[in-house]
Amino acid sequence: MGQTGASASGQPGGFAAFVPIILMFVIFYFLLIRPQQKKAKEHREMIDNLKRGNKVVTSGGIHGTITAVDETTVTLEIADKVKVKVTKGYITTVQ
């Protein structure tokens, strides 16, 4: 009986043991997950607002002007009479 009393008083309660883990997940959410979700939402909105005539940069660093917009792709004119079809998700910035 002496051991049970000593070991029971030396260990924290059931919920108290999970508080540091829960706190860690909350910190990760606000420092990592939430900003990433915000950035993804802004990127989706930018892609939804693409239109003909916008000057854009792709993730590969190609600069061009949008000449046509489809559901999933855009056509970029990167030089005189040189057009490239690019998936919308690879557009990183609109200038």
PDB file of N, CA and C in Angstrom:
ATOM      1  N   MET A   1       0.803  -1.180   0.000  1.00  0.00           N
ATOM      2  CA  MET A   1       0.000   0.000   0.000  1.00  0.00           C
ATOM      3  C   MET A   1       0.853   1.253   0.000  1.00  0.00           C
ATOM      4  N   GLY A   2       2.003   1.195   0.556  1.00  0.00           N
ATOM      5  CA  GLY A   2       2.871   2.355   0.616  1.00  0.00           C
ATOM      6  C   GLY A   2       3.293   2.819  -0.775  1.00  0.00           C
ATOM      7  N   GLN A   3       3.503   1.862  -1.665  1.00  0.00           N
ATOM      8  CA  GLN A   3       3.909   2.218  -3.023  1.00  0.00           C
ATOM      9  C   GLN A   3       2.772   2.884  -3.784  1.00  0.00           C
ATOM     10  N   THR A   4       1.587   2.390  -3.626  1.00  0.00           N
ATOM     11  CA  THR A   4       0.467   2.966  -4.386  1.00  0.00           C
ATOM     12  C   THR A   4       0.244   4.413  -3.991  1.00  0.00           C
ATOM     13  N   GLY A   5       0.348   4.736  -2.761  1.00  0.00           N
ATOM     14  CA  GLY A   5       0.153   6.110  -2.324  1.00  0.00           C
ATOM     15  C   GLY A   5       1.237   7.029  -2.863  1.00  0.00           C
ATOM     16  N   ALA A   6       2.476   6.571  -2.899  1.00  0.00           N
ATOM     17  CA  ALA A   6       3.585   7.399  -3.370  1.00  0.00           C
ATOM     18  C   ALA A   6       3.512   7.593  -4.882  1.00  0.00           C
ATOM     19  N   SER A   7       3.188   6.519  -5.620  1.00  0.00           N
ATOM     20  CA  SER A   7       3.150   6.649  -7.073  1.00  0.00           C
ATOM     21  C   SER A   7       1.927   7.441  -7.517  1.00  0.00           C
ATOM     22  N   ALA A   8       0.832   7.328  -6.819  1.00  0.00           N
ATOM     23  CA  ALA A   8      -0.371   8.061  -7.206  1.00  0.00           C
ATOM     24  C   ALA A   8      -0.194   9.555  -6.975  1.00  0.00           C
ATOM     25  N   SER A   9       0.478   9.935  -5.912  1.00  0.00           N
ATOM     26  CA  SER A   9       0.657  11.360  -5.641  1.00  0.00           C
ATOM     27  C   SER A   9       1.770  11.965  -6.496  1.00  0.00           C
ATOM     28  N   GLY A  10       2.666  11.159  -7.030  1.00  0.00           N
ATOM     29  CA  GLY A  10       3.786  11.657  -7.829  1.00  0.00           C
ATOM     30  C   GLY A  10       3.424  11.907  -9.285  1.00  0.00           C
ATOM     31  N   GLN A  11       2.333  11.329  -9.777  1.00  0.00           N
ATOM     32  CA  GLN A  11       1.945  11.497 -11.175  1.00  0.00           C
ATOM     33  C   GLN A  11       0.816  12.512 -11.291  1.00  0.00           C
ATOM     34  N   PRO A  12       0.858  13.353 -12.330  1.00  0.00           N
ATOM     35  CA  PRO A  12      -0.218  14.324 -12.511  1.00  0.00           C
ATOM     36  C   PRO A  12      -1.520  13.632 -12.906  1.00  0.00           C
ATOM     37  N   GLY A  13      -2.619  14.340 -12.767  1.00  0.00           N
ATOM     38  CA  GLY A  13      -3.928  13.794 -13.097  1.00  0.00           C
ATOM     39  C   GLY A  13      -4.056  13.502 -14.580  1.00  0.00           C
ATOM     40  N   GLY A  14      -5.138  12.840 -14.983  1.00  0.00           N
ATOM     41  CA  GLY A  14      -5.335  12.431 -16.372  1.00  0.00           C
ATOM     42  C   GLY A  14      -5.341  13.589 -17.351  1.00  0.00           C
ATOM     43  N   PHE A  15      -6.144  14.611 -17.101  1.00  0.00           N
ATOM     44  CA  PHE A  15      -6.240  15.745 -18.024  1.00  0.00           C
ATOM     45  C   PHE A  15      -4.990  16.618 -17.975  1.00  0.00           C
ATOM     46  N   ALA A  16      -4.422  16.774 -16.803  1.00  0.00           N
ATOM     47  CA  ALA A  16      -3.243  17.626 -16.648  1.00  0.00           C
ATOM     48  C   ALA A  16      -2.055  17.102 -17.458  1.00  0.00           C
ATOM     49  N   ALA A  17      -2.007  15.815 -17.703  1.00  0.00           N
ATOM     50  CA  ALA A  17      -0.916  15.237 -18.487  1.00  0.00           C
ATOM     51  C   ALA A  17      -1.030  15.627 -19.964  1.00  0.00           C
ATOM     52  N   PHE A  18      -2.242  15.899 -20.439  1.00  0.00           N
ATOM     53  CA  PHE A  18      -2.452  16.240 -21.845  1.00  0.00           C
ATOM     54  C   PHE A  18      -2.376  17.742 -22.127  1.00  0.00           C
ATOM     55  N   VAL A  19      -2.367  18.564 -21.110  1.00  0.00           N
ATOM     56  CA  VAL A  19      -2.346  20.019 -21.298  1.00  0.00           C
ATOM     57  C   VAL A  19      -1.129  20.477 -22.109  1.00  0.00           C
ATOM     58  N   PRO A  20       0.094  20.027 -21.828  1.00  0.00           N
ATOM     59  CA  PRO A  20       1.236  20.475 -22.644  1.00  0.00           C
ATOM     60  C   PRO A  20       1.120  20.054 -24.113  1.00  0.00           C
ATOM     61  N   ILE A  21       0.596  18.872 -24.364  1.00  0.00           N
ATOM     62  CA  ILE A  21       0.436  18.398 -25.742  1.00  0.00           C
ATOM     63  C   ILE A  21      -0.607  19.241 -26.469  1.00  0.00           C
ATOM     64  N   ILE A  22      -1.719  19.509 -25.805  1.00  0.00           N
ATOM     65  CA  ILE A  22      -2.768  20.336 -26.400  1.00  0.00           C
ATOM     66  C   ILE A  22      -2.233  21.740 -26.662  1.00  0.00           C
ATOM     67  N   LEU A  23      -1.497  22.281 -25.729  1.00  0.00           N
ATOM     68  CA  LEU A  23      -0.906  23.606 -25.886  1.00  0.00           C
ATOM     69  C   LEU A  23       0.046  23.648 -27.079  1.00  0.00           C
ATOM     70  N   MET A  24       0.822  22.588 -27.269  1.00  0.00           N
ATOM     71  CA  MET A  24       1.732  22.505 -28.401  1.00  0.00           C
ATOM     72  C   MET A  24       0.963  22.521 -29.725  1.00  0.00           C
ATOM     73  N   PHE A  25      -0.143  21.776 -29.815  1.00  0.00           N
ATOM     74  CA  PHE A  25      -0.947  21.761 -31.034  1.00  0.00           C
ATOM     75  C   PHE A  25      -1.568  23.122 -31.312  1.00  0.00           C
ATOM     76  N   VAL A  26      -1.997  23.819 -30.276  1.00  0.00           N
ATOM     77  CA  VAL A  26      -2.565  25.161 -30.449  1.00  0.00           C
ATOM     78  C   VAL A  26      -1.506  26.116 -30.992  1.00  0.00           C
ATOM     79  N   ILE A  27      -0.305  26.041 -30.459  1.00  0.00           N
ATOM     80  CA  ILE A  27       0.785  26.896 -30.934  1.00  0.00           C
ATOM     81  C   ILE A  27       1.119  26.575 -32.389  1.00  0.00           C
ATOM     82  N   PHE A  28       1.219  25.296 -32.735  1.00  0.00           N
ATOM     83  CA  PHE A  28       1.479  24.907 -34.121  1.00  0.00           C
ATOM     84  C   PHE A  28       0.393  25.428 -35.048  1.00  0.00           C
ATOM     85  N   TYR A  29      -0.854  25.358 -34.610  1.00  0.00           N
ATOM     86  CA  TYR A  29      -1.962  25.822 -35.443  1.00  0.00           C
ATOM     87  C   TYR A  29      -1.803  27.303 -35.768  1.00  0.00           C
ATOM     88  N   PHE A  30      -1.549  28.122 -34.752  1.00  0.00           N
ATOM     89  CA  PHE A  30      -1.476  29.560 -34.979  1.00  0.00           C
ATOM     90  C   PHE A  30      -0.179  30.007 -35.646  1.00  0.00           C
ATOM     91  N   LEU A  31       0.903  29.255 -35.486  1.00  0.00           N
ATOM     92  CA  LEU A  31       2.168  29.654 -36.088  1.00  0.00           C
ATOM     93  C   LEU A  31       2.419  29.045 -37.465  1.00  0.00           C
ATOM     94  N   LEU A  32       1.861  27.877 -37.741  1.00  0.00           N
ATOM     95  CA  LEU A  32       2.151  27.196 -39.003  1.00  0.00           C
ATOM     96  C   LEU A  32       0.927  26.986 -39.886  1.00  0.00           C
ATOM     97  N   ILE A  33      -0.095  26.378 -39.358  1.00  0.00           N
ATOM     98  CA  ILE A  33      -1.231  25.961 -40.178  1.00  0.00           C
ATOM     99  C   ILE A  33      -2.083  27.145 -40.619  1.00  0.00           C
ATOM    100  N   ARG A  34      -2.450  28.006 -39.702  1.00  0.00           N
ATOM    101  CA  ARG A  34      -3.344  29.123 -40.027  1.00  0.00           C
ATOM    102  C   ARG A  34      -2.734  30.079 -41.057  1.00  0.00           C
ATOM    103  N   PRO A  35      -1.470  30.502 -40.918  1.00  0.00           N
ATOM    104  CA  PRO A  35      -0.896  31.375 -41.957  1.00  0.00           C
ATOM    105  C   PRO A  35      -0.837  30.699 -43.330  1.00  0.00           C
ATOM    106  N   GLN A  36      -0.578  29.400 -43.352  1.00  0.00           N
ATOM    107  CA  GLN A  36      -0.531  28.671 -44.619  1.00  0.00           C
ATOM    108  C   GLN A  36      -1.906  28.640 -45.272  1.00  0.00           C
ATOM    109  N   GLN A  37      -2.959  28.443 -44.483  1.00  0.00           N
ATOM    110  CA  GLN A  37      -4.320  28.449 -45.013  1.00  0.00           C
ATOM    111  C   GLN A  37      -4.683  29.823 -45.559  1.00  0.00           C
ATOM    112  N   LYS A  38      -4.260  30.870 -44.875  1.00  0.00           N
ATOM    113  CA  LYS A  38      -4.538  32.235 -45.324  1.00  0.00           C
ATOM    114  C   LYS A  38      -3.845  32.508 -46.658  1.00  0.00           C
ATOM    115  N   LYS A  39      -2.598  32.077 -46.769  1.00  0.00           N
ATOM    116  CA  LYS A  39      -1.845  32.267 -48.004  1.00  0.00           C
ATOM    117  C   LYS A  39      -2.491  31.492 -49.156  1.00  0.00           C
ATOM    118  N   ALA A  40      -2.937  30.270 -48.891  1.00  0.00           N
ATOM    119  CA  ALA A  40      -3.591  29.462 -49.923  1.00  0.00           C
ATOM    120  C   ALA A  40      -4.897  30.114 -50.374  1.00  0.00           C
ATOM    121  N   LYS A  41      -5.640  30.684 -49.441  1.00  0.00           N
ATOM    122  CA  LYS A  41      -6.899  31.356 -49.782  1.00  0.00           C
ATOM    123  C   LYS A  41      -6.630  32.572 -50.668  1.00  0.00           C
ATOM    124  N   GLU A  42      -5.612  33.364 -50.333  1.00  0.00           N
ATOM    125  CA  GLU A  42      -5.255  34.527 -51.145  1.00  0.00           C
ATOM    126  C   GLU A  42      -4.832  34.100 -52.549  1.00  0.00           C
ATOM    127  N   HIS A  43      -4.095  32.998 -52.660  1.00  0.00           N
ATOM    128  CA  HIS A  43      -3.658  32.497 -53.969  1.00  0.00           C
ATOM    129  C   HIS A  43      -4.857  32.048 -54.791  1.00  0.00           C
ATOM    130  N   ARG A  44      -5.819  31.344 -54.157  1.00  0.00           N
ATOM    131  CA  ARG A  44      -7.036  30.918 -54.857  1.00  0.00           C
ATOM    132  C   ARG A  44      -7.821  32.119 -55.385  1.00  0.00           C
ATOM    133  N   GLU A  45      -7.942  33.159 -54.549  1.00  0.00           N
ATOM    134  CA  GLU A  45      -8.663  34.362 -54.973  1.00  0.00           C
ATOM    135  C   GLU A  45      -7.951  35.045 -56.140  1.00  0.00           C
ATOM    136  N   MET A  46      -6.620  35.091 -56.094  1.00  0.00           N
ATOM    137  CA  MET A  46      -5.853  35.694 -57.179  1.00  0.00           C
ATOM    138  C   MET A  46      -6.086  34.922 -58.479  1.00  0.00           C
ATOM    139  N   ILE A  47      -6.072  33.597 -58.393  1.00  0.00           N
ATOM    140  CA  ILE A  47      -6.269  32.764 -59.578  1.00  0.00           C
ATOM    141  C   ILE A  47      -7.687  32.924 -60.125  1.00  0.00           C
ATOM    142  N   ASP A  48      -8.665  33.020 -59.241  1.00  0.00           N
ATOM    143  CA  ASP A  48     -10.049  33.196 -59.686  1.00  0.00           C
ATOM    144  C   ASP A  48     -10.261  34.539 -60.384  1.00  0.00           C
ATOM    145  N   ASN A  49      -9.433  35.531 -60.079  1.00  0.00           N
ATOM    146  CA  ASN A  49      -9.592  36.866 -60.653  1.00  0.00           C
ATOM    147  C   ASN A  49      -8.687  37.129 -61.855  1.00  0.00           C
ATOM    148  N   LEU A  50      -8.026  36.089 -62.385  1.00  0.00           N
ATOM    149  CA  LEU A  50      -7.181  36.281 -63.561  1.00  0.00           C
ATOM    150  C   LEU A  50      -8.048  36.644 -64.760  1.00  0.00           C
ATOM    151  N   LYS A  51      -7.560  37.595 -65.564  1.00  0.00           N
ATOM    152  CA  LYS A  51      -8.301  37.977 -66.760  1.00  0.00           C
ATOM    153  C   LYS A  51      -7.331  38.351 -67.869  1.00  0.00           C
ATOM    154  N   ARG A  52      -7.865  38.428 -69.058  1.00  0.00           N
ATOM    155  CA  ARG A  52      -7.071  38.748 -70.243  1.00  0.00           C
ATOM    156  C   ARG A  52      -6.403  40.112 -70.055  1.00  0.00           C
ATOM    157  N   GLY A  53      -5.121  40.183 -70.402  1.00  0.00           N
ATOM    158  CA  GLY A  53      -4.378  41.432 -70.293  1.00  0.00           C
ATOM    159  C   GLY A  53      -3.529  41.542 -69.036  1.00  0.00           C
ATOM    160  N   ASN A  54      -3.782  40.676 -68.032  1.00  0.00           N
ATOM    161  CA  ASN A  54      -2.959  40.697 -66.815  1.00  0.00           C
ATOM    162  C   ASN A  54      -1.532  40.273 -67.143  1.00  0.00           C
ATOM    163  N   LYS A  55      -0.568  40.951 -66.539  1.00  0.00           N
ATOM    164  CA  LYS A  55       0.832  40.536 -66.640  1.00  0.00           C
ATOM    165  C   LYS A  55       1.116  39.672 -65.425  1.00  0.00           C
ATOM    166  N   VAL A  56       1.651  38.476 -65.660  1.00  0.00           N
ATOM    167  CA  VAL A  56       1.842  37.507 -64.585  1.00  0.00           C
ATOM    168  C   VAL A  56       3.244  36.917 -64.622  1.00  0.00           C
ATOM    169  N   VAL A  57       3.593  36.268 -63.510  1.00  0.00           N
ATOM    170  CA  VAL A  57       4.846  35.518 -63.404  1.00  0.00           C
ATOM    171  C   VAL A  57       4.484  34.112 -62.949  1.00  0.00           C
ATOM    172  N   THR A  58       5.053  33.101 -63.599  1.00  0.00           N
ATOM    173  CA  THR A  58       4.791  31.716 -63.212  1.00  0.00           C
ATOM    174  C   THR A  58       5.791  31.276 -62.151  1.00  0.00           C
ATOM    175  N   SER A  59       5.541  30.107 -61.576  1.00  0.00           N
ATOM    176  CA  SER A  59       6.462  29.579 -60.565  1.00  0.00           C
ATOM    177  C   SER A  59       7.819  29.240 -61.168  1.00  0.00           C
ATOM    178  N   GLY A  60       7.878  29.058 -62.479  1.00  0.00           N
ATOM    179  CA  GLY A  60       9.143  28.805 -63.157  1.00  0.00           C
ATOM    180  C   GLY A  60       9.885  30.072 -63.534  1.00  0.00           C
ATOM    181  N   GLY A  61       9.285  31.232 -63.222  1.00  0.00           N
ATOM    182  CA  GLY A  61       9.941  32.496 -63.502  1.00  0.00           C
ATOM    183  C   GLY A  61       9.638  33.077 -64.869  1.00  0.00           C
ATOM    184  N   ILE A  62       8.682  32.509 -65.582  1.00  0.00           N
ATOM    185  CA  ILE A  62       8.329  33.013 -66.909  1.00  0.00           C
ATOM    186  C   ILE A  62       7.377  34.195 -66.757  1.00  0.00           C
ATOM    187  N   HIS A  63       7.720  35.308 -67.395  1.00  0.00           N
ATOM    188  CA  HIS A  63       6.886  36.505 -67.383  1.00  0.00           C
ATOM    189  C   HIS A  63       6.078  36.530 -68.672  1.00  0.00           C
ATOM    190  N   GLY A  64       4.804  36.881 -68.569  1.00  0.00           N
ATOM    191  CA  GLY A  64       3.987  36.949 -69.767  1.00  0.00           C
ATOM    192  C   GLY A  64       2.699  37.700 -69.528  1.00  0.00           C
ATOM    193  N   THR A  65       1.972  37.903 -70.617  1.00  0.00           N
ATOM    194  CA  THR A  65       0.677  38.572 -70.578  1.00  0.00           C
ATOM    195  C   THR A  65      -0.392  37.557 -70.936  1.00  0.00           C
ATOM    196  N   ILE A  66      -1.463  37.522 -70.158  1.00  0.00           N
ATOM    197  CA  ILE A  66      -2.540  36.565 -70.403  1.00  0.00           C
ATOM    198  C   ILE A  66      -3.304  36.977 -71.656  1.00  0.00           C
ATOM    199  N   THR A  67      -3.434  36.024 -72.598  1.00  0.00           N
ATOM    200  CA  THR A  67      -4.208  36.276 -73.812  1.00  0.00           C
ATOM    201  C   THR A  67      -5.523  35.516 -73.815  1.00  0.00           C
ATOM    202  N   ALA A  68      -5.611  34.442 -73.025  1.00  0.00           N
ATOM    203  CA  ALA A  68      -6.852  33.668 -72.940  1.00  0.00           C
ATOM    204  C   ALA A  68      -6.908  32.972 -71.585  1.00  0.00           C
ATOM    205  N   VAL A  69      -8.127  32.835 -71.060  1.00  0.00           N
ATOM    206  CA  VAL A  69      -8.330  32.177 -69.771  1.00  0.00           C
ATOM    207  C   VAL A  69      -9.353  31.065 -69.957  1.00  0.00           C
ATOM    208  N   ASP A  70      -8.966  29.839 -69.591  1.00  0.00           N
ATOM    209  CA  ASP A  70      -9.886  28.698 -69.596  1.00  0.00           C
ATOM    210  C   ASP A  70     -10.220  28.357 -68.155  1.00  0.00           C
ATOM    211  N   GLU A  71     -10.912  27.238 -67.970  1.00  0.00           N
ATOM    212  CA  GLU A  71     -11.290  26.822 -66.617  1.00  0.00           C
ATOM    213  C   GLU A  71     -10.074  26.486 -65.764  1.00  0.00           C
ATOM    214  N   THR A  72      -9.111  25.768 -66.328  1.00  0.00           N
ATOM    215  CA  THR A  72      -7.944  25.338 -65.547  1.00  0.00           C
ATOM    216  C   THR A  72      -6.620  25.876 -66.069  1.00  0.00           C
ATOM    217  N   THR A  73      -6.623  26.505 -67.252  1.00  0.00           N
ATOM    218  CA  THR A  73      -5.372  26.980 -67.840  1.00  0.00           C
ATOM    219  C   THR A  73      -5.493  28.432 -68.295  1.00  0.00           C
ATOM    220  N   VAL A  74      -4.347  29.050 -68.515  1.00  0.00           N
ATOM    221  CA  VAL A  74      -4.272  30.373 -69.139  1.00  0.00           C
ATOM    222  C   VAL A  74      -3.253  30.285 -70.269  1.00  0.00           C
ATOM    223  N   THR A  75      -3.443  31.108 -71.280  1.00  0.00           N
ATOM    224  CA  THR A  75      -2.476  31.192 -72.362  1.00  0.00           C
ATOM    225  C   THR A  75      -1.702  32.485 -72.179  1.00  0.00           C
ATOM    226  N   LEU A  76      -0.386  32.350 -72.116  1.00  0.00           N
ATOM    227  CA  LEU A  76       0.485  33.508 -71.912  1.00  0.00           C
ATOM    228  C   LEU A  76       1.231  33.827 -73.193  1.00  0.00           C
ATOM    229  N   GLU A  77       1.336  35.105 -73.493  1.00  0.00           N
ATOM    230  CA  GLU A  77       2.205  35.537 -74.579  1.00  0.00           C
ATOM    231  C   GLU A  77       3.500  35.988 -73.916  1.00  0.00           C
ATOM    232  N   ILE A  78       4.576  35.228 -74.166  1.00  0.00           N
ATOM    233  CA  ILE A  78       5.845  35.510 -73.494  1.00  0.00           C
ATOM    234  C   ILE A  78       6.809  36.296 -74.376  1.00  0.00           C
ATOM    235  N   ALA A  79       6.517  36.356 -75.679  1.00  0.00           N
ATOM    236  CA  ALA A  79       7.278  37.162 -76.637  1.00  0.00           C
ATOM    237  C   ALA A  79       6.340  37.402 -77.820  1.00  0.00           C
ATOM    238  N   ASP A  80       6.773  38.200 -78.782  1.00  0.00           N
ATOM    239  CA  ASP A  80       5.920  38.451 -79.943  1.00  0.00           C
ATOM    240  C   ASP A  80       5.570  37.141 -80.634  1.00  0.00           C
ATOM    241  N   LYS A  81       4.291  36.858 -80.710  1.00  0.00           N
ATOM    242  CA  LYS A  81       3.743  35.668 -81.383  1.00  0.00           C
ATOM    243  C   LYS A  81       4.221  34.349 -80.776  1.00  0.00           C
ATOM    244  N   VAL A  82       4.665  34.374 -79.524  1.00  0.00           N
ATOM    245  CA  VAL A  82       5.053  33.147 -78.816  1.00  0.00           C
ATOM    246  C   VAL A  82       4.093  32.982 -77.644  1.00  0.00           C
ATOM    247  N   LYS A  83       3.248  31.946 -77.729  1.00  0.00           N
ATOM    248  CA  LYS A  83       2.242  31.724 -76.689  1.00  0.00           C
ATOM    249  C   LYS A  83       2.471  30.375 -76.022  1.00  0.00           C
ATOM    250  N   VAL A  84       2.237  30.356 -74.720  1.00  0.00           N
ATOM    251  CA  VAL A  84       2.430  29.150 -73.921  1.00  0.00           C
ATOM    252  C   VAL A  84       1.184  28.942 -73.079  1.00  0.00           C
ATOM    253  N   LYS A  85       0.723  27.704 -72.997  1.00  0.00           N
ATOM    254  CA  LYS A  85      -0.428  27.380 -72.152  1.00  0.00           C
ATOM    255  C   LYS A  85       0.098  26.901 -70.799  1.00  0.00           C
ATOM    256  N   VAL A  86      -0.416  27.502 -69.714  1.00  0.00           N
ATOM    257  CA  VAL A  86       0.069  27.217 -68.365  1.00  0.00           C
ATOM    258  C   VAL A  86      -1.120  26.903 -67.467  1.00  0.00           C
ATOM    259  N   THR A  87      -0.955  25.940 -66.576  1.00  0.00           N
ATOM    260  CA  THR A  87      -1.980  25.642 -65.580  1.00  0.00           C
ATOM    261  C   THR A  87      -2.076  26.809 -64.610  1.00  0.00           C
ATOM    262  N   LYS A  88      -3.310  27.188 -64.269  1.00  0.00           N
ATOM    263  CA  LYS A  88      -3.533  28.363 -63.416  1.00  0.00           C
ATOM    264  C   LYS A  88      -2.790  28.290 -62.086  1.00  0.00           C
ATOM    265  N   GLY A  89      -2.667  27.113 -61.520  1.00  0.00           N
ATOM    266  CA  GLY A  89      -2.024  26.961 -60.222  1.00  0.00           C
ATOM    267  C   GLY A  89      -0.563  27.364 -60.202  1.00  0.00           C
ATOM    268  N   TYR A  90       0.068  27.431 -61.371  1.00  0.00           N
ATOM    269  CA  TYR A  90       1.482  27.785 -61.438  1.00  0.00           C
ATOM    270  C   TYR A  90       1.714  29.285 -61.606  1.00  0.00           C
ATOM    271  N   ILE A  91       0.642  30.070 -61.622  1.00  0.00           N
ATOM    272  CA  ILE A  91       0.780  31.525 -61.634  1.00  0.00           C
ATOM    273  C   ILE A  91       1.047  31.955 -60.197  1.00  0.00           C
ATOM    274  N   THR A  92       2.158  32.645 -59.971  1.00  0.00           N
ATOM    275  CA  THR A  92       2.506  33.037 -58.603  1.00  0.00           C
ATOM    276  C   THR A  92       2.183  34.488 -58.299  1.00  0.00           C
ATOM    277  N   THR A  93       2.368  35.372 -59.275  1.00  0.00           N
ATOM    278  CA  THR A  93       2.076  36.786 -59.014  1.00  0.00           C
ATOM    279  C   THR A  93       1.410  37.427 -60.217  1.00  0.00           C
ATOM    280  N   VAL A  94       0.593  38.426 -59.930  1.00  0.00           N
ATOM    281  CA  VAL A  94      -0.012  39.265 -60.962  1.00  0.00           C
ATOM    282  C   VAL A  94       0.572  40.648 -60.782  1.00  0.00           C
ATOM    283  N   GLN A  95       1.098  41.203 -61.857  1.00  0.00           N
ATOM    284  CA  GLN A  95       1.740  42.523 -61.762  1.00  0.00           C
ATOM    285  C   GLN A  95       0.803  43.611 -62.215  1.00  0.00           C
TER     286      GLN A  95
END
